[in-house]
C-alpha cells in the first residue's frame, strides 16, 4: 500500500518588498567581507553579469583596470538586447579587451 502525501504549502508569489528585503539582507551579509571600494564594484559587476562563481576575476579587474574602461564595457553589455547575448561575461571580457587595444593604438599613433 502506497500513500501519497500532497504538499499543503503552495508557493506564493513574492512581493516586491520581500524581494527587496532579501537583496538588502544579502548585501548586509557581504558587507563584513568587503574592505575596499574596488571589491564592492567587482561584486556588483559579477552579480550584474550573472557570473557569481568568477567574482575574484571581477574584483581583480576592478582593482587593476581603469574604472572608465570597465564602465564602458558594462554599459555596452546593458545596451544589448536580451535575446542577442549568449554569454554576458564573455561579451564583457571581449569588449574590455577591445577597448584596451583601442587605447594602445591611440597611444602609439600619438
PDB file of N, CA and C in Angstrom:
ATOM      1  N   UNK A   1       0.841  -1.173   0.000  1.00  0.00           N
ATOM      2  CA  UNK A   1       0.000   0.000   0.000  1.00  0.00           C
ATOM      3  C   UNK A   1       0.894   1.247   0.000  1.00  0.00           C
ATOM      4  N   UNK A   2       0.691   2.099  -0.970  1.00  0.00           N
ATOM      5  CA  UNK A   2       1.479   3.330  -1.040  1.00  0.00           C
ATOM      6  C   UNK A   2       0.606   4.516  -0.677  1.00  0.00           C
ATOM      7  N   UNK A   3       1.196   5.397   0.051  1.00  0.00           N
ATOM      8  CA  UNK A   3       0.485   6.592   0.494  1.00  0.00           C
ATOM      9  C   UNK A   3       1.137   7.798  -0.173  1.00  0.00           C
ATOM     10  N   UNK A   4       0.326   8.605  -0.804  1.00  0.00           N
ATOM     11  CA  UNK A   4       0.835   9.820  -1.439  1.00  0.00           C
ATOM     12  C   UNK A   4       0.518  11.008  -0.559  1.00  0.00           C
ATOM     13  N   UNK A   5       1.533  11.780  -0.288  1.00  0.00           N
ATOM     14  CA  UNK A   5       1.343  12.984   0.510  1.00  0.00           C
ATOM     15  C   UNK A   5       1.325  14.183  -0.423  1.00  0.00           C
ATOM     16  N   UNK A   6       0.345  14.987  -0.230  1.00  0.00           N
ATOM     17  CA  UNK A   6       0.284  16.223  -1.003  1.00  0.00           C
ATOM     18  C   UNK A   6       0.830  17.359  -0.151  1.00  0.00           C
ATOM     19  N   UNK A   7       1.576  18.176  -0.799  1.00  0.00           N
ATOM     20  CA  UNK A   7       2.132  19.320  -0.089  1.00  0.00           C
ATOM     21  C   UNK A   7       1.032  20.351   0.142  1.00  0.00           C
ATOM     22  N   UNK A   8       0.863  20.732   1.400  1.00  0.00           N
ATOM     23  CA  UNK A   8      -0.163  21.711   1.715  1.00  0.00           C
ATOM     24  C   UNK A   8       0.303  23.133   1.470  1.00  0.00           C
ATOM     25  N   UNK A   9       1.604  23.307   1.403  1.00  0.00           N
ATOM     26  CA  UNK A   9       2.121  24.654   1.181  1.00  0.00           C
ATOM     27  C   UNK A   9       2.387  24.848  -0.302  1.00  0.00           C
ATOM     28  N   UNK A  10       1.736  25.805  -0.860  1.00  0.00           N
ATOM     29  CA  UNK A  10       1.958  26.161  -2.258  1.00  0.00           C
ATOM     30  C   UNK A  10       2.834  27.395  -2.297  1.00  0.00           C
ATOM     31  N   UNK A  11       3.600  27.469  -3.341  1.00  0.00           N
ATOM     32  CA  UNK A  11       4.458  28.646  -3.473  1.00  0.00           C
ATOM     33  C   UNK A  11       3.600  29.864  -3.761  1.00  0.00           C
ATOM     34  N   UNK A  12       3.752  30.834  -2.923  1.00  0.00           N
ATOM     35  CA  UNK A  12       3.041  32.087  -3.104  1.00  0.00           C
ATOM     36  C   UNK A  12       3.942  33.050  -3.871  1.00  0.00           C
ATOM     37  N   UNK A  13       3.375  33.871  -4.732  1.00  0.00           N
ATOM     38  CA  UNK A  13       4.204  34.866  -5.407  1.00  0.00           C
ATOM     39  C   UNK A  13       4.804  35.830  -4.388  1.00  0.00           C
ATOM     40  N   UNK A  14       6.048  36.209  -4.628  1.00  0.00           N
ATOM     41  CA  UNK A  14       6.714  37.110  -3.700  1.00  0.00           C
ATOM     42  C   UNK A  14       6.419  38.548  -4.093  1.00  0.00           C
ATOM     43  N   UNK A  15       6.261  39.363  -3.084  1.00  0.00           N
ATOM     44  CA  UNK A  15       6.023  40.775  -3.342  1.00  0.00           C
ATOM     45  C   UNK A  15       7.358  41.471  -3.599  1.00  0.00           C
ATOM     46  N   UNK A  16       7.283  42.628  -4.184  1.00  0.00           N
ATOM     47  CA  UNK A  16       8.493  43.391  -4.474  1.00  0.00           C
ATOM     48  C   UNK A  16       9.200  43.761  -3.175  1.00  0.00           C
ATOM     49  N   UNK A  17       8.442  44.073  -2.167  1.00  0.00           N
ATOM     50  CA  UNK A  17       9.035  44.423  -0.873  1.00  0.00           C
ATOM     51  C   UNK A  17       9.836  43.277  -0.278  1.00  0.00           C
ATOM     52  N   UNK A  18       9.314  42.061  -0.391  1.00  0.00           N
ATOM     53  CA  UNK A  18      10.047  40.918   0.169  1.00  0.00           C
ATOM     54  C   UNK A  18      11.304  40.629  -0.644  1.00  0.00           C
ATOM     55  N   UNK A  19      11.230  40.805  -1.968  1.00  0.00           N
ATOM     56  CA  UNK A  19      12.429  40.626  -2.798  1.00  0.00           C
ATOM     57  C   UNK A  19      13.482  41.672  -2.450  1.00  0.00           C
ATOM     58  N   UNK A  20      13.028  42.888  -2.209  1.00  0.00           N
ATOM     59  CA  UNK A  20      13.952  43.960  -1.824  1.00  0.00           C
ATOM     60  C   UNK A  20      14.612  43.640  -0.491  1.00  0.00           C
ATOM     61  N   UNK A  21      13.818  43.134   0.455  1.00  0.00           N
ATOM     62  CA  UNK A  21      14.365  42.767   1.764  1.00  0.00           C
ATOM     63  C   UNK A  21      15.425  41.672   1.633  1.00  0.00           C
ATOM     64  N   UNK A  22      15.190  40.698   0.736  1.00  0.00           N
ATOM     65  CA  UNK A  22      16.178  39.646   0.513  1.00  0.00           C
ATOM     66  C   UNK A  22      17.484  40.224  -0.032  1.00  0.00           C
ATOM     67  N   UNK A  23      17.379  41.178  -0.955  1.00  0.00           N
ATOM     68  CA  UNK A  23      18.578  41.805  -1.510  1.00  0.00           C
ATOM     69  C   UNK A  23      19.319  42.594  -0.437  1.00  0.00           C
ATOM     70  N   UNK A  24      18.592  43.296   0.397  1.00  0.00           N
ATOM     71  CA  UNK A  24      19.220  44.078   1.469  1.00  0.00           C
ATOM     72  C   UNK A  24      19.956  43.153   2.429  1.00  0.00           C
ATOM     73  N   UNK A  25      19.343  42.026   2.777  1.00  0.00           N
ATOM     74  CA  UNK A  25      19.990  41.068   3.677  1.00  0.00           C
ATOM     75  C   UNK A  25      21.247  40.485   3.038  1.00  0.00           C
ATOM     76  N   UNK A  26      21.179  40.202   1.739  1.00  0.00           N
ATOM     77  CA  UNK A  26      22.342  39.661   1.041  1.00  0.00           C
ATOM     78  C   UNK A  26      23.495  40.655   1.049  1.00  0.00           C
ATOM     79  N   UNK A  27      23.187  41.916   0.825  1.00  0.00           N
ATOM     80  CA  UNK A  27      24.221  42.959   0.836  1.00  0.00           C
ATOM     81  C   UNK A  27      24.803  43.120   2.232  1.00  0.00           C
ATOM     82  N   UNK A  28      23.952  43.066   3.248  1.00  0.00           N
ATOM     83  CA  UNK A  28      24.429  43.194   4.627  1.00  0.00           C
ATOM     84  C   UNK A  28      25.372  42.054   4.995  1.00  0.00           C
ATOM     85  N   UNK A  29      25.071  40.840   4.528  1.00  0.00           N
ATOM     86  CA  UNK A  29      25.953  39.704   4.810  1.00  0.00           C
ATOM     87  C   UNK A  29      27.312  39.892   4.147  1.00  0.00           C
ATOM     88  N   UNK A  30      27.325  40.464   2.945  1.00  0.00           N
ATOM     89  CA  UNK A  30      28.574  40.651   2.215  1.00  0.00           C
ATOM     90  C   UNK A  30      29.408  41.788   2.771  1.00  0.00           C
ATOM     91  N   UNK A  31      28.776  42.754   3.420  1.00  0.00           N
ATOM     92  CA  UNK A  31      29.487  43.944   3.889  1.00  0.00           C
ATOM     93  C   UNK A  31      30.675  43.602   4.782  1.00  0.00           C
ATOM     94  N   UNK A  32      30.542  42.580   5.587  1.00  0.00           N
ATOM     95  CA  UNK A  32      31.623  42.266   6.513  1.00  0.00           C
ATOM     96  C   UNK A  32      32.864  41.756   5.793  1.00  0.00           C
ATOM     97  N   UNK A  33      32.726  41.297   4.552  1.00  0.00           N
ATOM     98  CA  UNK A  33      33.868  40.803   3.799  1.00  0.00           C
ATOM     99  C   UNK A  33      34.487  41.873   2.903  1.00  0.00           C
ATOM    100  N   UNK A  34      33.782  42.950   2.671  1.00  0.00           N
ATOM    101  CA  UNK A  34      34.249  43.992   1.758  1.00  0.00           C
ATOM    102  C   UNK A  34      34.981  45.056   2.557  1.00  0.00           C
ATOM    103  N   UNK A  35      36.240  45.247   2.211  1.00  0.00           N
ATOM    104  CA  UNK A  35      37.041  46.251   2.907  1.00  0.00           C
ATOM    105  C   UNK A  35      37.368  47.444   2.020  1.00  0.00           C
ATOM    106  N   UNK A  36      37.374  47.246   0.713  1.00  0.00           N
ATOM    107  CA  UNK A  36      37.736  48.314  -0.225  1.00  0.00           C
ATOM    108  C   UNK A  36      36.625  48.540  -1.237  1.00  0.00           C
ATOM    109  N   UNK A  37      36.658  49.707  -1.853  1.00  0.00           N
ATOM    110  CA  UNK A  37      35.637  50.078  -2.833  1.00  0.00           C
ATOM    111  C   UNK A  37      35.706  49.189  -4.066  1.00  0.00           C
ATOM    112  N   UNK A  38      36.916  48.832  -4.510  1.00  0.00           N
ATOM    113  CA  UNK A  38      37.036  48.016  -5.716  1.00  0.00           C
ATOM    114  C   UNK A  38      36.445  46.622  -5.508  1.00  0.00           C
ATOM    115  N   UNK A  39      36.446  46.129  -4.273  1.00  0.00           N
ATOM    116  CA  UNK A  39      35.822  44.839  -4.004  1.00  0.00           C
ATOM    117  C   UNK A  39      34.306  44.918  -4.197  1.00  0.00           C
ATOM    118  N   UNK A  40      33.726  45.995  -3.719  1.00  0.00           N
ATOM    119  CA  UNK A  40      32.280  46.178  -3.874  1.00  0.00           C
ATOM    120  C   UNK A  40      31.917  46.304  -5.347  1.00  0.00           C
ATOM    121  N   UNK A  41      32.745  47.052  -6.090  1.00  0.00           N
ATOM    122  CA  UNK A  41      32.464  47.223  -7.522  1.00  0.00           C
ATOM    123  C   UNK A  41      32.613  45.895  -8.261  1.00  0.00           C
ATOM    124  N   UNK A  42      33.623  45.105  -7.917  1.00  0.00           N
ATOM    125  CA  UNK A  42      33.818  43.799  -8.547  1.00  0.00           C
ATOM    126  C   UNK A  42      32.657  42.858  -8.284  1.00  0.00           C
ATOM    127  N   UNK A  43      32.152  42.870  -7.055  1.00  0.00           N
ATOM    128  CA  UNK A  43      30.997  42.029  -6.733  1.00  0.00           C
ATOM    129  C   UNK A  43      29.747  42.497  -7.468  1.00  0.00           C
ATOM    130  N   UNK A  44      29.619  43.806  -7.609  1.00  0.00           N
ATOM    131  CA  UNK A  44      28.481  44.351  -8.353  1.00  0.00           C
ATOM    132  C   UNK A  44      28.552  43.919  -9.819  1.00  0.00           C
ATOM    133  N   UNK A  45      29.746  43.961 -10.398  1.00  0.00           N
ATOM    134  CA  UNK A  45      29.921  43.512 -11.780  1.00  0.00           C
ATOM    135  C   UNK A  45      29.566  42.034 -11.923  1.00  0.00           C
ATOM    136  N   UNK A  46      30.053  41.213 -11.003  1.00  0.00           N
ATOM    137  CA  UNK A  46      29.792  39.777 -11.068  1.00  0.00           C
ATOM    138  C   UNK A  46      28.292  39.489 -10.994  1.00  0.00           C
ATOM    139  N   UNK A  47      27.615  40.202 -10.131  1.00  0.00           N
ATOM    140  CA  UNK A  47      26.174  39.982  -9.998  1.00  0.00           C
ATOM    141  C   UNK A  47      25.425  40.475 -11.237  1.00  0.00           C
ATOM    142  N   UNK A  48      25.835  41.613 -11.766  1.00  0.00           N
ATOM    143  CA  UNK A  48      25.180  42.179 -12.935  1.00  0.00           C
ATOM    144  C   UNK A  48      25.347  41.289 -14.165  1.00  0.00           C
ATOM    145  N   UNK A  49      26.512  40.661 -14.271  1.00  0.00           N
ATOM    146  CA  UNK A  49      26.790  39.796 -15.412  1.00  0.00           C
ATOM    147  C   UNK A  49      26.297  38.367 -15.196  1.00  0.00           C
ATOM    148  N   UNK A  50      25.858  38.067 -13.985  1.00  0.00           N
ATOM    149  CA  UNK A  50      25.353  36.732 -13.701  1.00  0.00           C
ATOM    150  C   UNK A  50      26.461  35.693 -13.658  1.00  0.00           C
ATOM    151  N   UNK A  51      27.646  36.094 -13.225  1.00  0.00           N
ATOM    152  CA  UNK A  51      28.799  35.203 -13.197  1.00  0.00           C
ATOM    153  C   UNK A  51      29.380  35.191 -11.783  1.00  0.00           C
ATOM    154  N   UNK A  52      28.588  34.737 -10.832  1.00  0.00           N
ATOM    155  CA  UNK A  52      28.961  34.827  -9.430  1.00  0.00           C
ATOM    156  C   UNK A  52      30.139  33.919  -9.088  1.00  0.00           C
ATOM    157  N   UNK A  53      30.288  32.822  -9.823  1.00  0.00           N
ATOM    158  CA  UNK A  53      31.374  31.901  -9.473  1.00  0.00           C
ATOM    159  C   UNK A  53      32.749  32.482  -9.811  1.00  0.00           C
ATOM    160  N   UNK A  54      32.820  33.465 -10.696  1.00  0.00           N
ATOM    161  CA  UNK A  54      34.094  34.085 -11.061  1.00  0.00           C
ATOM    162  C   UNK A  54      34.256  35.471 -10.448  1.00  0.00           C
ATOM    163  N   UNK A  55      33.698  35.695  -9.281  1.00  0.00           N
ATOM    164  CA  UNK A  55      33.772  37.026  -8.673  1.00  0.00           C
ATOM    165  C   UNK A  55      35.194  37.491  -8.366  1.00  0.00           C
ATOM    166  N   UNK A  56      36.150  36.596  -8.047  1.00  0.00           N
ATOM    167  CA  UNK A  56      37.517  37.105  -7.845  1.00  0.00           C
ATOM    168  C   UNK A  56      38.104  37.751  -9.107  1.00  0.00           C
ATOM    169  N   UNK A  57      37.704  37.252 -10.269  1.00  0.00           N
ATOM    170  CA  UNK A  57      38.149  37.847 -11.523  1.00  0.00           C
ATOM    171  C   UNK A  57      37.685  39.297 -11.635  1.00  0.00           C
ATOM    172  N   UNK A  58      36.418  39.547 -11.313  1.00  0.00           N
ATOM    173  CA  UNK A  58      35.874  40.895 -11.425  1.00  0.00           C
ATOM    174  C   UNK A  58      36.448  41.836 -10.365  1.00  0.00           C
ATOM    175  N   UNK A  59      36.748  41.287  -9.197  1.00  0.00           N
ATOM    176  CA  UNK A  59      37.393  42.105  -8.168  1.00  0.00           C
ATOM    177  C   UNK A  59      38.787  42.508  -8.633  1.00  0.00           C
ATOM    178  N   UNK A  60      39.516  41.566  -9.223  1.00  0.00           N
ATOM    179  CA  UNK A  60      40.857  41.878  -9.719  1.00  0.00           C
ATOM    180  C   UNK A  60      40.793  42.894 -10.860  1.00  0.00           C
ATOM    181  N   UNK A  61      39.812  42.735 -11.762  1.00  0.00           N
ATOM    182  CA  UNK A  61      39.654  43.706 -12.849  1.00  0.00           C
ATOM    183  C   UNK A  61      39.342  45.090 -12.294  1.00  0.00           C
ATOM    184  N   UNK A  62      38.487  45.144 -11.272  1.00  0.00           N
ATOM    185  CA  UNK A  62      38.133  46.433 -10.669  1.00  0.00           C
ATOM    186  C   UNK A  62      39.340  47.078 -10.005  1.00  0.00           C
ATOM    187  N   UNK A  63      40.270  46.257  -9.533  1.00  0.00           N
ATOM    188  CA  UNK A  63      41.456  46.784  -8.874  1.00  0.00           C
ATOM    189  C   UNK A  63      42.506  47.257  -9.881  1.00  0.00           C
ATOM    190  N   UNK A  64      42.662  46.539 -10.982  1.00  0.00           N
ATOM    191  CA  UNK A  64      43.769  46.815 -11.898  1.00  0.00           C
ATOM    192  C   UNK A  64      43.401  47.635 -13.115  1.00  0.00           C
ATOM    193  N   UNK A  65      42.164  47.562 -13.564  1.00  0.00           N
ATOM    194  CA  UNK A  65      41.756  48.263 -14.788  1.00  0.00           C
ATOM    195  C   UNK A  65      41.193  49.646 -14.456  1.00  0.00           C
ATOM    196  N   UNK A  66      41.366  50.597 -15.386  1.00  0.00           N
ATOM    197  CA  UNK A  66      40.747  51.916 -15.170  1.00  0.00           C
ATOM    198  C   UNK A  66      39.223  51.797 -15.117  1.00  0.00           C
ATOM    199  N   UNK A  67      38.622  52.536 -14.215  1.00  0.00           N
ATOM    200  CA  UNK A  67      37.179  52.437 -13.999  1.00  0.00           C
ATOM    201  C   UNK A  67      36.375  52.846 -15.234  1.00  0.00           C
ATOM    202  N   UNK A  68      36.848  53.852 -15.985  1.00  0.00           N
ATOM    203  CA  UNK A  68      36.086  54.286 -17.164  1.00  0.00           C
ATOM    204  C   UNK A  68      36.041  53.187 -18.220  1.00  0.00           C
ATOM    205  N   UNK A  69      37.099  52.399 -18.346  1.00  0.00           N
ATOM    206  CA  UNK A  69      37.104  51.295 -19.304  1.00  0.00           C
ATOM    207  C   UNK A  69      36.106  50.220 -18.878  1.00  0.00           C
ATOM    208  N   UNK A  70      36.073  49.915 -17.587  1.00  0.00           N
ATOM    209  CA  UNK A  70      35.111  48.925 -17.080  1.00  0.00           C
ATOM    210  C   UNK A  70      33.677  49.407 -17.263  1.00  0.00           C
ATOM    211  N   UNK A  71      33.461  50.699 -17.030  1.00  0.00           N
ATOM    212  CA  UNK A  71      32.116  51.260 -17.186  1.00  0.00           C
ATOM    213  C   UNK A  71      31.660  51.215 -18.638  1.00  0.00           C
ATOM    214  N   UNK A  72      32.573  51.509 -19.575  1.00  0.00           N
ATOM    215  CA  UNK A  72      32.215  51.447 -20.998  1.00  0.00           C
ATOM    216  C   UNK A  72      31.823  50.036 -21.397  1.00  0.00           C
ATOM    217  N   UNK A  73      32.586  49.051 -20.935  1.00  0.00           N
ATOM    218  CA  UNK A  73      32.270  47.653 -21.247  1.00  0.00           C
ATOM    219  C   UNK A  73      30.954  47.236 -20.594  1.00  0.00           C
ATOM    220  N   UNK A  74      30.721  47.677 -19.362  1.00  0.00           N
ATOM    221  CA  UNK A  74      29.477  47.338 -18.661  1.00  0.00           C
ATOM    222  C   UNK A  74      28.269  47.943 -19.361  1.00  0.00           C
ATOM    223  N   UNK A  75      28.403  49.190 -19.775  1.00  0.00           N
ATOM    224  CA  UNK A  75      27.296  49.844 -20.475  1.00  0.00           C
ATOM    225  C   UNK A  75      27.058  49.230 -21.853  1.00  0.00           C
ATOM    226  N   UNK A  76      28.127  48.739 -22.482  1.00  0.00           N
ATOM    227  CA  UNK A  76      27.979  48.051 -23.763  1.00  0.00           C
ATOM    228  C   UNK A  76      27.103  46.813 -23.594  1.00  0.00           C
ATOM    229  N   UNK A  77      27.312  46.090 -22.506  1.00  0.00           N
ATOM    230  CA  UNK A  77      26.511  44.892 -22.225  1.00  0.00           C
ATOM    231  C   UNK A  77      25.063  45.279 -21.947  1.00  0.00           C
ATOM    232  N   UNK A  78      24.856  46.340 -21.183  1.00  0.00           N
ATOM    233  CA  UNK A  78      23.493  46.758 -20.843  1.00  0.00           C
ATOM    234  C   UNK A  78      22.710  47.224 -22.056  1.00  0.00           C
ATOM    235  N   UNK A  79      23.410  47.768 -23.061  1.00  0.00           N
ATOM    236  CA  UNK A  79      22.739  48.287 -24.243  1.00  0.00           C
ATOM    237  C   UNK A  79      22.310  47.190 -25.220  1.00  0.00           C
ATOM    238  N   UNK A  80      22.817  45.983 -25.057  1.00  0.00           N
ATOM    239  CA  UNK A  80      22.469  44.889 -25.958  1.00  0.00           C
ATOM    240  C   UNK A  80      21.061  44.381 -25.657  1.00  0.00           C
ATOM    241  N   UNK A  81      20.407  43.870 -26.681  1.00  0.00           N
ATOM    242  CA  UNK A  81      19.096  43.269 -26.484  1.00  0.00           C
ATOM    243  C   UNK A  81      19.250  41.948 -25.743  1.00  0.00           C
ATOM    244  N   UNK A  82      18.275  41.610 -24.923  1.00  0.00           N
ATOM    245  CA  UNK A  82      18.386  40.437 -24.056  1.00  0.00           C
ATOM    246  C   UNK A  82      18.550  39.137 -24.844  1.00  0.00           C
ATOM    247  N   UNK A  83      17.861  38.979 -25.937  1.00  0.00           N
ATOM    248  CA  UNK A  83      17.923  37.727 -26.693  1.00  0.00           C
ATOM    249  C   UNK A  83      19.161  37.569 -27.541  1.00  0.00           C
ATOM    250  N   UNK A  84      19.914  38.642 -27.736  1.00  0.00           N
ATOM    251  CA  UNK A  84      21.066  38.563 -28.634  1.00  0.00           C
ATOM    252  C   UNK A  84      22.342  38.106 -27.950  1.00  0.00           C
ATOM    253  N   UNK A  85      22.404  38.157 -26.640  1.00  0.00           N
ATOM    254  CA  UNK A  85      23.623  37.811 -25.916  1.00  0.00           C
ATOM    255  C   UNK A  85      23.551  36.358 -25.461  1.00  0.00           C
ATOM    256  N   UNK A  86      24.571  35.574 -25.850  1.00  0.00           N
ATOM    257  CA  UNK A  86      24.637  34.195 -25.374  1.00  0.00           C
ATOM    258  C   UNK A  86      25.301  34.140 -24.004  1.00  0.00           C
ATOM    259  N   UNK A  87      26.374  34.918 -23.843  1.00  0.00           N
ATOM    260  CA  UNK A  87      27.124  34.903 -22.593  1.00  0.00           C
ATOM    261  C   UNK A  87      27.553  36.330 -22.251  1.00  0.00           C
ATOM    262  N   UNK A  88      26.943  36.894 -21.226  1.00  0.00           N
ATOM    263  CA  UNK A  88      27.295  38.256 -20.814  1.00  0.00           C
ATOM    264  C   UNK A  88      28.747  38.371 -20.371  1.00  0.00           C
ATOM    265  N   UNK A  89      29.259  37.449 -19.553  1.00  0.00           N
ATOM    266  CA  UNK A  89      30.663  37.580 -19.124  1.00  0.00           C
ATOM    267  C   UNK A  89      31.640  37.533 -20.291  1.00  0.00           C
ATOM    268  N   UNK A  90      31.373  36.665 -21.240  1.00  0.00           N
ATOM    269  CA  UNK A  90      32.259  36.534 -22.396  1.00  0.00           C
ATOM    270  C   UNK A  90      32.267  37.804 -23.230  1.00  0.00           C
ATOM    271  N   UNK A  91      31.093  38.359 -23.472  1.00  0.00           N
ATOM    272  CA  UNK A  91      30.990  39.595 -24.235  1.00  0.00           C
ATOM    273  C   UNK A  91      31.629  40.759 -23.484  1.00  0.00           C
ATOM    274  N   UNK A  92      31.467  40.795 -22.167  1.00  0.00           N
ATOM    275  CA  UNK A  92      32.072  41.843 -21.351  1.00  0.00           C
ATOM    276  C   UNK A  92      33.598  41.812 -21.468  1.00  0.00           C
ATOM    277  N   UNK A  93      34.182  40.613 -21.335  1.00  0.00           N
ATOM    278  CA  UNK A  93      35.636  40.492 -21.413  1.00  0.00           C
ATOM    279  C   UNK A  93      36.151  40.806 -22.820  1.00  0.00           C
ATOM    280  N   UNK A  94      35.380  40.433 -23.845  1.00  0.00           N
ATOM    281  CA  UNK A  94      35.766  40.754 -25.215  1.00  0.00           C
ATOM    282  C   UNK A  94      35.783  42.276 -25.412  1.00  0.00           C
ATOM    283  N   UNK A  95      34.750  42.950 -24.943  1.00  0.00           N
ATOM    284  CA  UNK A  95      34.672  44.403 -25.095  1.00  0.00           C
ATOM    285  C   UNK A  95      35.779  45.088 -24.298  1.00  0.00           C
ATOM    286  N   UNK A  96      36.088  44.563 -23.131  1.00  0.00           N
ATOM    287  CA  UNK A  96      37.166  45.115 -22.314  1.00  0.00           C
ATOM    288  C   UNK A  96      38.500  45.011 -23.042  1.00  0.00           C
ATOM    289  N   UNK A  97      38.754  43.878 -23.660  1.00  0.00           N
ATOM    290  CA  UNK A  97      39.986  43.685 -24.432  1.00  0.00           C
ATOM    291  C   UNK A  97      40.001  44.613 -25.638  1.00  0.00           C
ATOM    292  N   UNK A  98      38.857  44.750 -26.293  1.00  0.00           N
ATOM    293  CA  UNK A  98      38.729  45.628 -27.455  1.00  0.00           C
ATOM    294  C   UNK A  98      39.037  47.076 -27.073  1.00  0.00           C
ATOM    295  N   UNK A  99      38.503  47.538 -25.967  1.00  0.00           N
ATOM    296  CA  UNK A  99      38.759  48.905 -25.502  1.00  0.00           C
ATOM    297  C   UNK A  99      40.229  49.106 -25.147  1.00  0.00           C
ATOM    298  N   UNK A 100      40.839  48.100 -24.550  1.00  0.00           N
ATOM    299  CA  UNK A 100      42.250  48.182 -24.186  1.00  0.00           C
ATOM    300  C   UNK A 100      43.118  48.286 -25.449  1.00  0.00           C
ATOM    301  N   UNK A 101      42.804  47.493 -26.469  1.00  0.00           N
ATOM    302  CA  UNK A 101      43.543  47.542 -27.734  1.00  0.00           C
ATOM    303  C   UNK A 101      43.380  48.890 -28.423  1.00  0.00           C
ATOM    304  N   UNK A 102      42.171  49.451 -28.383  1.00  0.00           N
ATOM    305  CA  UNK A 102      41.930  50.765 -28.984  1.00  0.00           C
ATOM    306  C   UNK A 102      42.764  51.846 -28.296  1.00  0.00           C
ATOM    307  N   UNK A 103      42.845  51.765 -26.974  1.00  0.00           N
ATOM    308  CA  UNK A 103      43.657  52.754 -26.237  1.00  0.00           C
ATOM    309  C   UNK A 103      45.136  52.610 -26.555  1.00  0.00           C
ATOM    310  N   UNK A 104      45.612  51.376 -26.740  1.00  0.00           N
ATOM    311  CA  UNK A 104      47.014  51.159 -27.113  1.00  0.00           C
ATOM    312  C   UNK A 104      47.316  51.756 -28.490  1.00  0.00           C
ATOM    313  N   UNK A 105      46.390  51.517 -29.444  1.00  0.00           N
ATOM    314  CA  UNK A 105      46.573  52.068 -30.787  1.00  0.00           C
ATOM    315  C   UNK A 105      46.580  53.587 -30.763  1.00  0.00           C
ATOM    316  N   UNK A 106      45.728  54.170 -29.968  1.00  0.00           N
ATOM    317  CA  UNK A 106      45.656  55.618 -29.865  1.00  0.00           C
ATOM    318  C   UNK A 106      46.950  56.172 -29.288  1.00  0.00           C
ATOM    319  N   UNK A 107      47.523  55.504 -28.298  1.00  0.00           N
ATOM    320  CA  UNK A 107      48.773  55.934 -27.697  1.00  0.00           C
ATOM    321  C   UNK A 107      49.959  55.781 -28.652  1.00  0.00           C
ATOM    322  N   UNK A 108      49.952  54.739 -29.481  1.00  0.00           N
ATOM    323  CA  UNK A 108      51.034  54.521 -30.448  1.00  0.00           C
ATOM    324  C   UNK A 108      50.999  55.593 -31.532  1.00  0.00           C
ATOM    325  N   UNK A 109      49.817  55.951 -31.968  1.00  0.00           N
ATOM    326  CA  UNK A 109      49.678  56.962 -33.038  1.00  0.00           C
ATOM    327  C   UNK A 109      50.052  58.356 -32.556  1.00  0.00           C
ATOM    328  N   UNK A 110      49.900  58.655 -31.302  1.00  0.00           N
ATOM    329  CA  UNK A 110      50.213  59.996 -30.814  1.00  0.00           C
ATOM    330  C   UNK A 110      51.682  60.227 -30.600  1.00  0.00           C
TER     331      UNK A 110
END
